[in-house]
Amino acid sequence: MVVVDGEIDVYTGPYLRNLLTEVLHEHAHVIVDMSRVDFFDSTGLGILVGGLKRARGRGGSLVLVIADAADPSQRERQDKTRKYLRITGMSKVFPVYGDRMDAVRRYAEVDGRLTYAGEPDENWEEVSGRPTPSPS
């Protein structure tokens, strides 16, 4: 699982692209948790689409998680993220789950290596961080 925190734009995008490339090199199926994304633009969308293409090229998949937050300000950001995906038509391309465990259960259905038993198993890997601009 890749957990994105902060913004995904032209400055921070290379970090996410490299991270997804690295994770997809090791895993065919990837969950990207965007619950803490403050903002993303077409650059971020392009990176996610590129990741999806790489995953599908390996017989895998890339799905998104946008969990509902209790904090109203965070919920507003999540609603904007969902709206952006809907407006761009990407909500039809990417499966979007309301919480991490729903996404994990999905993989339990399609990938025998990952099984759901209440908690993620030994195949579970979480990579998180706040994207930072690449040095100029």
Protein backbone atom coordinates (compact mmCIF):
# COMPACT_ATOMS: atom_id res chain seq x y z
CA MET A 1 0.00 0.00 0.00
CA VAL A 2 1.22 3.46 -0.87
CA VAL A 3 -0.09 6.18 1.44
CA VAL A 4 0.03 9.66 -0.07
CA ASP A 5 0.08 12.65 2.27
CA GLY A 6 -0.06 16.22 1.00
CA GLU A 7 -0.07 17.50 -2.57
CA ILE A 8 0.55 15.74 -5.86
CA ASP A 9 1.57 18.26 -8.49
CA VAL A 10 4.39 19.08 -10.91
CA TYR A 11 6.83 19.63 -8.03
CA THR A 12 6.02 16.59 -5.90
CA GLY A 13 4.92 14.26 -8.69
CA PRO A 14 8.36 12.79 -9.46
CA TYR A 15 8.57 11.46 -5.89
CA LEU A 16 5.24 9.64 -6.25
CA ARG A 17 6.13 8.38 -9.74
CA ASN A 18 9.40 6.92 -8.48
CA LEU A 19 7.70 5.41 -5.44
CA LEU A 20 4.98 3.76 -7.53
CA THR A 21 7.57 2.45 -9.98
CA GLU A 22 9.53 0.94 -7.11
CA VAL A 23 6.48 -0.63 -5.47
CA LEU A 24 5.11 -1.93 -8.78
CA HIS A 25 8.47 -3.55 -9.46
CA GLU A 26 7.90 -5.68 -6.34
CA HIS A 27 4.10 -6.06 -6.34
CA ALA A 28 1.57 -6.56 -9.16
CA HIS A 29 -1.37 -5.29 -7.09
CA VAL A 30 -1.08 -1.91 -5.40
CA ILE A 31 -3.43 0.08 -3.17
CA VAL A 32 -2.90 3.86 -3.15
CA ASP A 33 -4.45 5.51 -0.10
CA MET A 34 -5.29 9.09 -1.05
CA SER A 35 -7.28 9.87 2.10
CA ARG A 36 -4.73 12.50 3.21
CA VAL A 37 -4.22 14.18 -0.16
CA ASP A 38 -4.69 17.94 0.12
CA PHE A 39 -4.54 18.65 -3.61
CA PHE A 40 -3.73 16.96 -6.89
CA ASP A 41 -3.81 18.10 -10.48
CA SER A 42 -3.39 16.61 -13.94
CA THR A 43 0.23 15.76 -13.13
CA GLY A 44 -0.90 13.55 -10.25
CA LEU A 45 -3.63 12.04 -12.37
CA GLY A 46 -1.10 11.22 -15.09
CA ILE A 47 1.15 9.52 -12.55
CA LEU A 48 -1.72 7.39 -11.26
CA VAL A 49 -2.75 6.44 -14.81
CA GLY A 50 0.87 5.54 -15.60
CA GLY A 51 0.98 3.37 -12.49
CA LEU A 52 -2.25 1.67 -13.50
CA LYS A 53 -0.85 0.92 -16.97
CA ARG A 54 2.33 -0.56 -15.47
CA ALA A 55 0.29 -2.67 -13.04
CA ARG A 56 -2.03 -3.96 -15.76
CA GLY A 57 0.98 -4.69 -17.96
CA ARG A 58 2.10 -7.14 -15.28
CA GLY A 59 -1.35 -8.66 -14.88
CA GLY A 60 -1.95 -6.59 -11.75
CA SER A 61 -4.04 -3.63 -10.71
CA LEU A 62 -3.93 -0.30 -8.94
CA VAL A 63 -6.85 0.80 -6.80
CA LEU A 64 -7.48 3.93 -4.76
CA VAL A 65 -8.67 4.39 -1.20
CA ILE A 66 -10.33 7.63 -0.12
CA ALA A 67 -11.54 7.00 3.41
CA ASP A 68 -14.09 9.24 5.08
CA ALA A 69 -12.52 11.38 7.79
CA ALA A 70 -14.18 12.57 10.97
CA ASP A 71 -12.57 16.02 10.63
CA PRO A 72 -14.82 18.25 8.45
CA SER A 73 -11.88 20.08 6.82
CA GLN A 74 -10.24 16.80 5.84
CA ARG A 75 -13.58 15.44 4.62
CA GLU A 76 -13.88 18.50 2.37
CA ARG A 77 -10.48 17.72 0.78
CA GLN A 78 -11.53 14.11 0.27
CA ASP A 79 -14.75 15.23 -1.39
CA LYS A 80 -12.69 17.43 -3.74
CA THR A 81 -10.48 14.46 -4.59
CA ARG A 82 -13.52 12.29 -5.37
CA LYS A 83 -15.07 15.11 -7.41
CA TYR A 84 -11.88 15.58 -9.45
CA LEU A 85 -11.79 11.86 -10.22
CA ARG A 86 -15.47 11.95 -11.20
CA ILE A 87 -15.17 15.08 -13.41
CA THR A 88 -12.16 13.67 -15.26
CA GLY A 89 -13.89 10.32 -15.76
CA MET A 90 -11.18 8.55 -13.78
CA SER A 91 -13.64 7.25 -11.19
CA LYS A 92 -14.71 4.82 -13.94
CA VAL A 93 -11.11 3.78 -14.57
CA PHE A 94 -9.87 3.38 -11.00
CA PRO A 95 -11.71 1.30 -8.44
CA VAL A 96 -12.15 3.62 -5.43
CA TYR A 97 -12.75 2.15 -1.98
CA GLY A 98 -14.04 3.88 1.14
CA ASP A 99 -11.51 2.26 3.46
CA ARG A 100 -8.30 0.25 3.35
CA MET A 101 -9.78 -3.04 4.46
CA ASP A 102 -12.39 -2.97 1.68
CA ALA A 103 -9.51 -2.68 -0.78
CA VAL A 104 -7.62 -5.50 0.95
CA ARG A 105 -10.72 -7.71 0.81
CA ARG A 106 -10.88 -7.04 -2.93
CA TYR A 107 -7.38 -8.42 -3.30
CA ALA A 108 -8.28 -11.45 -1.23
CA GLU A 109 -10.81 -12.20 -3.98
CA VAL A 110 -8.40 -11.83 -6.92
CA ASP A 111 -4.98 -12.76 -5.57
CA GLY A 112 -4.44 -15.94 -3.59
CA ARG A 113 -1.16 -14.60 -2.18
CA LEU A 114 -2.96 -11.97 -0.14
CA THR A 115 -5.57 -13.31 2.22
CA TYR A 116 -7.86 -11.38 4.51
CA ALA A 117 -7.96 -12.63 8.06
CA GLY A 118 -8.92 -9.51 9.96
CA GLU A 119 -5.56 -7.85 9.48
CA PRO A 120 -3.12 -7.64 6.56
CA ASP A 121 -0.84 -10.67 6.29
CA GLU A 122 2.92 -10.95 5.76
CA ASN A 123 2.56 -9.92 2.10
CA TRP A 124 1.26 -6.52 3.20
CA GLU A 125 3.64 -3.64 2.74
CA GLU A 126 2.86 -0.01 3.50
CA VAL A 127 4.99 2.77 2.09
CA SER A 128 4.06 6.25 3.18
CA GLY A 129 5.38 9.73 3.10
CA ARG A 130 4.71 13.27 2.14
CA PRO A 131 5.85 13.90 -1.43
CA THR A 132 8.56 16.52 -1.48
CA PRO A 133 9.76 18.51 -4.48
CA SER A 134 12.71 17.05 -6.32
CA PRO A 135 15.92 19.06 -5.86
CA SER A 136 16.39 21.58 -8.66
